[in-house]
Amino acid sequence: MTQNEVFLELSPGLEASGTARAAVTKKYGDLSEERLVDLRLAVAALVTNSIRAQHEVPILVHLWQDGSAATDVHGKVTDDGSGAETLRAGSRDDPVRLKVLDAVTRDWGVADDSAWFVA
């Protein structure tokens, strides 16, 4: 694990999104307020998406900064694949979530059973 890396395993319940946001604040609190808010929103949107899509499999959150652009934070949220599938389908029930991700990330997408972003 690198210095600016976070791994979380969250139960898919009401507290998961808050736990993820708190971990973001603790690890990346030195970012500007605007960047920190955007990062927290991206993580919360993807964790909430996983909670809404399924209720049994733990949600895995991985955040990191790499050497290519130390200011970028990369994130990946993994569940049983249901969360990624709802995003792949355009999240017809909640298109606002997609607009939030577009607004607060440089890029995002889905691959296999995960959703990823760069903020």
N, C-alpha and C. Protein backbone atom coordinates (compact mmCIF):
# COMPACT_ATOMS: atom_id res chain seq x y z
N MET A 1 0.84 -1.17 0.00
CA MET A 1 0.00 0.00 0.00
C MET A 1 0.88 1.23 0.00
N THR A 2 0.59 2.19 -0.89
CA THR A 2 1.36 3.42 -0.94
C THR A 2 0.87 4.39 0.13
N GLN A 3 1.60 5.48 0.29
CA GLN A 3 1.26 6.45 1.33
C GLN A 3 -0.14 7.04 1.15
N ASN A 4 -0.55 7.30 -0.07
CA ASN A 4 -1.85 7.90 -0.31
C ASN A 4 -2.83 6.89 -0.92
N GLU A 5 -2.99 5.77 -0.24
CA GLU A 5 -3.86 4.71 -0.73
C GLU A 5 -4.82 4.30 0.39
N VAL A 6 -6.05 4.02 0.00
CA VAL A 6 -7.08 3.61 0.95
C VAL A 6 -7.75 2.35 0.43
N PHE A 7 -7.93 1.37 1.30
CA PHE A 7 -8.71 0.17 1.02
C PHE A 7 -9.80 0.08 2.07
N LEU A 8 -11.05 -0.08 1.64
CA LEU A 8 -12.16 -0.25 2.57
C LEU A 8 -13.00 -1.46 2.14
N GLU A 9 -13.49 -2.20 3.12
CA GLU A 9 -14.50 -3.23 2.87
C GLU A 9 -15.71 -2.84 3.70
N LEU A 10 -16.79 -2.49 3.02
CA LEU A 10 -17.97 -1.94 3.67
C LEU A 10 -19.15 -2.89 3.57
N SER A 11 -19.89 -3.01 4.66
CA SER A 11 -21.17 -3.72 4.61
C SER A 11 -22.15 -2.83 3.85
N PRO A 12 -22.97 -3.41 2.98
CA PRO A 12 -23.88 -2.59 2.16
C PRO A 12 -25.10 -2.10 2.95
N GLY A 13 -24.85 -1.26 3.93
CA GLY A 13 -25.93 -0.70 4.74
C GLY A 13 -25.90 0.81 4.73
N LEU A 14 -26.76 1.39 5.53
CA LEU A 14 -26.92 2.84 5.56
C LEU A 14 -25.65 3.60 5.94
N GLU A 15 -24.79 2.99 6.73
CA GLU A 15 -23.59 3.69 7.20
C GLU A 15 -22.43 3.64 6.20
N ALA A 16 -22.52 2.84 5.15
CA ALA A 16 -21.40 2.63 4.24
C ALA A 16 -20.92 3.91 3.57
N SER A 17 -21.83 4.70 3.07
CA SER A 17 -21.45 5.93 2.37
C SER A 17 -20.75 6.91 3.31
N GLY A 18 -21.27 7.06 4.52
CA GLY A 18 -20.65 7.95 5.51
C GLY A 18 -19.27 7.47 5.92
N THR A 19 -19.11 6.16 6.08
CA THR A 19 -17.81 5.59 6.42
C THR A 19 -16.80 5.88 5.30
N ALA A 20 -17.22 5.72 4.06
CA ALA A 20 -16.34 5.99 2.93
C ALA A 20 -15.97 7.47 2.86
N ARG A 21 -16.94 8.36 3.05
CA ARG A 21 -16.64 9.81 3.02
C ARG A 21 -15.67 10.19 4.12
N ALA A 22 -15.83 9.61 5.31
CA ALA A 22 -14.92 9.91 6.43
C ALA A 22 -13.50 9.45 6.11
N ALA A 23 -13.36 8.29 5.48
CA ALA A 23 -12.03 7.80 5.12
C ALA A 23 -11.38 8.71 4.08
N VAL A 24 -12.17 9.21 3.15
CA VAL A 24 -11.65 10.15 2.14
C VAL A 24 -11.13 11.41 2.82
N THR A 25 -11.92 11.95 3.74
CA THR A 25 -11.52 13.16 4.44
C THR A 25 -10.25 12.94 5.25
N LYS A 26 -10.16 11.81 5.92
CA LYS A 26 -8.99 11.52 6.75
C LYS A 26 -7.73 11.40 5.89
N LYS A 27 -7.80 10.69 4.78
CA LYS A 27 -6.61 10.42 3.97
C LYS A 27 -6.25 11.58 3.04
N TYR A 28 -7.25 12.28 2.51
CA TYR A 28 -6.99 13.30 1.50
C TYR A 28 -7.37 14.70 1.97
N GLY A 29 -7.37 14.91 3.27
CA GLY A 29 -7.74 16.19 3.85
C GLY A 29 -6.85 17.35 3.46
N ASP A 30 -5.67 17.06 2.90
CA ASP A 30 -4.76 18.13 2.48
C ASP A 30 -5.10 18.67 1.09
N LEU A 31 -6.06 18.07 0.39
CA LEU A 31 -6.51 18.60 -0.89
C LEU A 31 -7.27 19.90 -0.67
N SER A 32 -7.42 20.68 -1.72
CA SER A 32 -8.23 21.89 -1.60
C SER A 32 -9.66 21.50 -1.22
N GLU A 33 -10.37 22.42 -0.62
CA GLU A 33 -11.74 22.12 -0.18
C GLU A 33 -12.61 21.67 -1.35
N GLU A 34 -12.47 22.33 -2.50
CA GLU A 34 -13.27 21.98 -3.67
C GLU A 34 -12.95 20.56 -4.15
N ARG A 35 -11.68 20.21 -4.22
CA ARG A 35 -11.29 18.87 -4.66
C ARG A 35 -11.74 17.81 -3.68
N LEU A 36 -11.65 18.12 -2.38
CA LEU A 36 -12.08 17.17 -1.36
C LEU A 36 -13.58 16.93 -1.45
N VAL A 37 -14.35 17.98 -1.64
CA VAL A 37 -15.80 17.83 -1.79
C VAL A 37 -16.12 16.98 -3.02
N ASP A 38 -15.44 17.25 -4.14
CA ASP A 38 -15.68 16.47 -5.36
C ASP A 38 -15.34 15.00 -5.15
N LEU A 39 -14.22 14.73 -4.50
CA LEU A 39 -13.79 13.36 -4.24
C LEU A 39 -14.79 12.64 -3.34
N ARG A 40 -15.23 13.33 -2.29
CA ARG A 40 -16.22 12.74 -1.38
C ARG A 40 -17.53 12.44 -2.12
N LEU A 41 -17.96 13.35 -2.99
CA LEU A 41 -19.19 13.13 -3.75
C LEU A 41 -19.07 11.94 -4.70
N ALA A 42 -17.92 11.82 -5.38
CA ALA A 42 -17.73 10.70 -6.31
C ALA A 42 -17.79 9.36 -5.57
N VAL A 43 -17.07 9.28 -4.46
CA VAL A 43 -17.07 8.04 -3.68
C VAL A 43 -18.47 7.74 -3.14
N ALA A 44 -19.12 8.75 -2.58
CA ALA A 44 -20.47 8.55 -2.03
C ALA A 44 -21.46 8.11 -3.10
N ALA A 45 -21.37 8.69 -4.29
CA ALA A 45 -22.29 8.32 -5.37
C ALA A 45 -22.11 6.86 -5.77
N LEU A 46 -20.86 6.41 -5.86
CA LEU A 46 -20.63 5.03 -6.28
C LEU A 46 -20.95 4.02 -5.17
N VAL A 47 -20.65 4.36 -3.93
CA VAL A 47 -21.01 3.48 -2.82
C VAL A 47 -22.53 3.39 -2.69
N THR A 48 -23.21 4.52 -2.79
CA THR A 48 -24.67 4.53 -2.71
C THR A 48 -25.27 3.72 -3.86
N ASN A 49 -24.69 3.85 -5.04
CA ASN A 49 -25.14 3.06 -6.17
C ASN A 49 -25.03 1.56 -5.88
N SER A 50 -23.93 1.15 -5.27
CA SER A 50 -23.76 -0.27 -4.92
C SER A 50 -24.79 -0.71 -3.89
N ILE A 51 -25.06 0.13 -2.91
CA ILE A 51 -26.05 -0.20 -1.87
C ILE A 51 -27.43 -0.37 -2.50
N ARG A 52 -27.78 0.54 -3.38
CA ARG A 52 -29.10 0.47 -4.01
C ARG A 52 -29.25 -0.72 -4.94
N ALA A 53 -28.13 -1.18 -5.51
CA ALA A 53 -28.19 -2.27 -6.48
C ALA A 53 -28.20 -3.65 -5.83
N GLN A 54 -27.62 -3.76 -4.64
CA GLN A 54 -27.54 -5.06 -3.98
C GLN A 54 -27.36 -4.84 -2.48
N HIS A 55 -27.70 -5.86 -1.70
CA HIS A 55 -27.69 -5.68 -0.24
C HIS A 55 -26.94 -6.77 0.51
N GLU A 56 -26.19 -7.62 -0.19
CA GLU A 56 -25.59 -8.76 0.50
C GLU A 56 -24.07 -8.83 0.42
N VAL A 57 -23.48 -8.41 -0.67
CA VAL A 57 -22.04 -8.56 -0.89
C VAL A 57 -21.32 -7.31 -0.38
N PRO A 58 -20.22 -7.48 0.33
CA PRO A 58 -19.46 -6.30 0.78
C PRO A 58 -19.05 -5.41 -0.40
N ILE A 59 -18.96 -4.15 -0.13
CA ILE A 59 -18.53 -3.15 -1.12
C ILE A 59 -17.07 -2.85 -0.85
N LEU A 60 -16.25 -3.00 -1.87
CA LEU A 60 -14.83 -2.74 -1.76
C LEU A 60 -14.51 -1.38 -2.39
N VAL A 61 -13.81 -0.54 -1.65
CA VAL A 61 -13.42 0.78 -2.14
C VAL A 61 -11.90 0.84 -2.13
N HIS A 62 -11.32 1.23 -3.25
CA HIS A 62 -9.87 1.39 -3.36
C HIS A 62 -9.62 2.78 -3.95
N LEU A 63 -8.89 3.59 -3.23
CA LEU A 63 -8.51 4.94 -3.68
C LEU A 63 -7.00 5.04 -3.66
N TRP A 64 -6.43 5.74 -4.64
CA TRP A 64 -4.98 5.89 -4.67
C TRP A 64 -4.56 7.06 -5.54
N GLN A 65 -3.36 7.52 -5.27
CA GLN A 65 -2.67 8.48 -6.13
C GLN A 65 -1.45 7.77 -6.67
N ASP A 66 -1.19 7.93 -7.97
CA ASP A 66 0.01 7.29 -8.52
C ASP A 66 1.01 8.35 -8.96
N GLY A 67 2.12 7.92 -9.45
CA GLY A 67 3.20 8.84 -9.81
C GLY A 67 2.96 9.63 -11.07
N SER A 68 2.01 9.22 -11.91
CA SER A 68 1.82 9.91 -13.19
C SER A 68 1.28 11.32 -13.03
N ALA A 69 0.40 11.51 -12.10
CA ALA A 69 -0.14 12.84 -11.81
C ALA A 69 -0.57 12.82 -10.35
N ALA A 70 0.34 13.21 -9.48
CA ALA A 70 0.13 13.07 -8.03
C ALA A 70 -1.11 13.81 -7.54
N THR A 71 -1.60 14.76 -8.31
CA THR A 71 -2.79 15.47 -7.87
C THR A 71 -4.07 14.70 -8.16
N ASP A 72 -4.03 13.76 -9.11
CA ASP A 72 -5.21 12.96 -9.42
C ASP A 72 -5.41 11.89 -8.36
N VAL A 73 -6.66 11.69 -7.99
CA VAL A 73 -7.01 10.56 -7.12
C VAL A 73 -7.83 9.61 -7.97
N HIS A 74 -7.42 8.35 -7.99
CA HIS A 74 -8.11 7.30 -8.73
C HIS A 74 -8.95 6.52 -7.73
N GLY A 75 -10.10 6.07 -8.17
CA GLY A 75 -10.95 5.28 -7.29
C GLY A 75 -11.60 4.13 -8.02
N LYS A 76 -11.89 3.09 -7.26
CA LYS A 76 -12.56 1.92 -7.79
C LYS A 76 -13.50 1.40 -6.71
N VAL A 77 -14.75 1.17 -7.07
CA VAL A 77 -15.75 0.63 -6.15
C VAL A 77 -16.28 -0.66 -6.76
N THR A 78 -16.16 -1.74 -6.00
CA THR A 78 -16.51 -3.07 -6.49
C THR A 78 -17.56 -3.71 -5.59
N ASP A 79 -18.54 -4.36 -6.22
CA ASP A 79 -19.52 -5.15 -5.49
C ASP A 79 -19.73 -6.45 -6.27
N ASP A 80 -20.91 -7.01 -6.23
CA ASP A 80 -21.15 -8.26 -6.95
C ASP A 80 -21.40 -8.04 -8.44
N GLY A 81 -21.23 -6.82 -8.90
CA GLY A 81 -21.46 -6.48 -10.30
C GLY A 81 -22.76 -5.74 -10.53
N SER A 82 -23.65 -5.77 -9.56
CA SER A 82 -24.94 -5.10 -9.72
C SER A 82 -24.80 -3.59 -9.84
N GLY A 83 -23.90 -3.00 -9.05
CA GLY A 83 -23.70 -1.56 -9.10
C GLY A 83 -23.18 -1.11 -10.46
N ALA A 84 -22.19 -1.82 -10.97
CA ALA A 84 -21.65 -1.50 -12.29
C ALA A 84 -22.71 -1.67 -13.37
N GLU A 85 -23.53 -2.69 -13.23
CA GLU A 85 -24.57 -2.94 -14.23
C GLU A 85 -25.59 -1.80 -14.26
N THR A 86 -25.97 -1.26 -13.10
CA THR A 86 -26.94 -0.16 -13.11
C THR A 86 -26.33 1.07 -13.77
N LEU A 87 -25.04 1.31 -13.56
CA LEU A 87 -24.39 2.44 -14.24
C LEU A 87 -24.29 2.18 -15.74
N ARG A 88 -23.98 0.95 -16.11
CA ARG A 88 -23.88 0.58 -17.51
C ARG A 88 -25.23 0.79 -18.21
N ALA A 89 -26.30 0.52 -17.49
CA ALA A 89 -27.65 0.66 -18.06
C ALA A 89 -28.12 2.11 -18.06
N GLY A 90 -27.29 3.02 -17.59
CA GLY A 90 -27.67 4.42 -17.58
C GLY A 90 -28.46 4.82 -16.36
N SER A 91 -28.52 3.93 -15.39
CA SER A 91 -29.21 4.21 -14.13
C SER A 91 -30.53 4.93 -14.36
N ARG A 92 -31.39 4.29 -15.13
CA ARG A 92 -32.67 4.90 -15.50
C ARG A 92 -33.47 5.40 -14.30
N ASP A 93 -33.32 4.74 -13.16
CA ASP A 93 -34.08 5.15 -11.98
C ASP A 93 -33.52 6.40 -11.32
N ASP A 94 -32.24 6.71 -11.58
CA ASP A 94 -31.62 7.86 -10.92
C ASP A 94 -30.55 8.48 -11.82
N PRO A 95 -30.96 9.17 -12.90
CA PRO A 95 -29.98 9.76 -13.81
C PRO A 95 -29.17 10.88 -13.17
N VAL A 96 -29.62 11.41 -12.05
CA VAL A 96 -28.88 12.47 -11.36
C VAL A 96 -27.51 11.96 -10.93
N ARG A 97 -27.42 10.71 -10.51
CA ARG A 97 -26.14 10.14 -10.07
C ARG A 97 -25.10 10.22 -11.19
N LEU A 98 -25.52 9.96 -12.42
CA LEU A 98 -24.60 10.03 -13.55
C LEU A 98 -24.14 11.46 -13.77
N LYS A 99 -25.03 12.41 -13.62
CA LYS A 99 -24.66 13.83 -13.77
C LYS A 99 -23.70 14.26 -12.68
N VAL A 100 -23.89 13.75 -11.47
CA VAL A 100 -22.96 14.06 -10.37
C VAL A 100 -21.57 13.54 -10.72
N LEU A 101 -21.48 12.31 -11.17
CA LEU A 101 -20.18 11.75 -11.54
C LEU A 101 -19.53 12.55 -12.67
N ASP A 102 -20.31 12.94 -13.66
CA ASP A 102 -19.78 13.77 -14.74
C ASP A 102 -19.24 15.09 -14.22
N ALA A 103 -19.92 15.66 -13.23
CA ALA A 103 -19.55 16.99 -12.72
C ALA A 103 -18.34 16.97 -11.81
N VAL A 104 -18.13 15.90 -11.05
CA VAL A 104 -17.09 15.92 -10.02
C VAL A 104 -15.86 15.07 -10.35
N THR A 105 -15.86 14.40 -11.50
CA THR A 105 -14.70 13.59 -11.89
C THR A 105 -14.17 14.06 -13.24
N ARG A 106 -12.90 13.76 -13.49
CA ARG A 106 -12.32 14.01 -14.82
C ARG A 106 -12.78 12.94 -15.79
N ASP A 107 -12.95 11.73 -15.27
CA ASP A 107 -13.38 10.60 -16.09
C ASP A 107 -13.94 9.53 -15.16
N TRP A 108 -14.84 8.70 -15.66
CA TRP A 108 -15.35 7.57 -14.89
C TRP A 108 -15.92 6.56 -15.86
N GLY A 109 -16.09 5.34 -15.38
CA GLY A 109 -16.66 4.30 -16.21
C GLY A 109 -16.88 3.03 -15.41
N VAL A 110 -17.22 1.98 -16.12
CA VAL A 110 -17.44 0.68 -15.48
C VAL A 110 -16.62 -0.38 -16.21
N ALA A 111 -16.18 -1.36 -15.46
CA ALA A 111 -15.44 -2.49 -16.02
C ALA A 111 -15.74 -3.71 -15.15
N ASP A 112 -16.24 -4.74 -15.77
CA ASP A 112 -16.59 -5.97 -15.05
C ASP A 112 -17.53 -5.66 -13.90
N ASP A 113 -17.11 -5.96 -12.66
CA ASP A 113 -17.98 -5.76 -11.49
C ASP A 113 -17.62 -4.49 -10.72
N SER A 114 -16.95 -3.55 -11.38
CA SER A 114 -16.47 -2.33 -10.69
C SER A 114 -16.85 -1.07 -11.46
N ALA A 115 -16.92 0.00 -10.70
CA ALA A 115 -17.00 1.35 -11.27
C ALA A 115 -15.72 2.05 -10.87
N TRP A 116 -15.15 2.87 -11.75
CA TRP A 116 -13.89 3.54 -11.47
C TRP A 116 -14.03 5.04 -11.80
N PHE A 117 -13.13 5.81 -11.26
CA PHE A 117 -13.12 7.25 -11.58
C PHE A 117 -11.73 7.82 -11.38
N VAL A 118 -11.52 8.98 -11.96
CA VAL A 118 -10.33 9.80 -11.73
C VAL A 118 -10.85 11.17 -11.37
N ALA A 119 -10.41 11.67 -10.22
CA ALA A 119 -10.87 12.98 -9.75
C ALA A 119 -9.68 13.86 -9.42
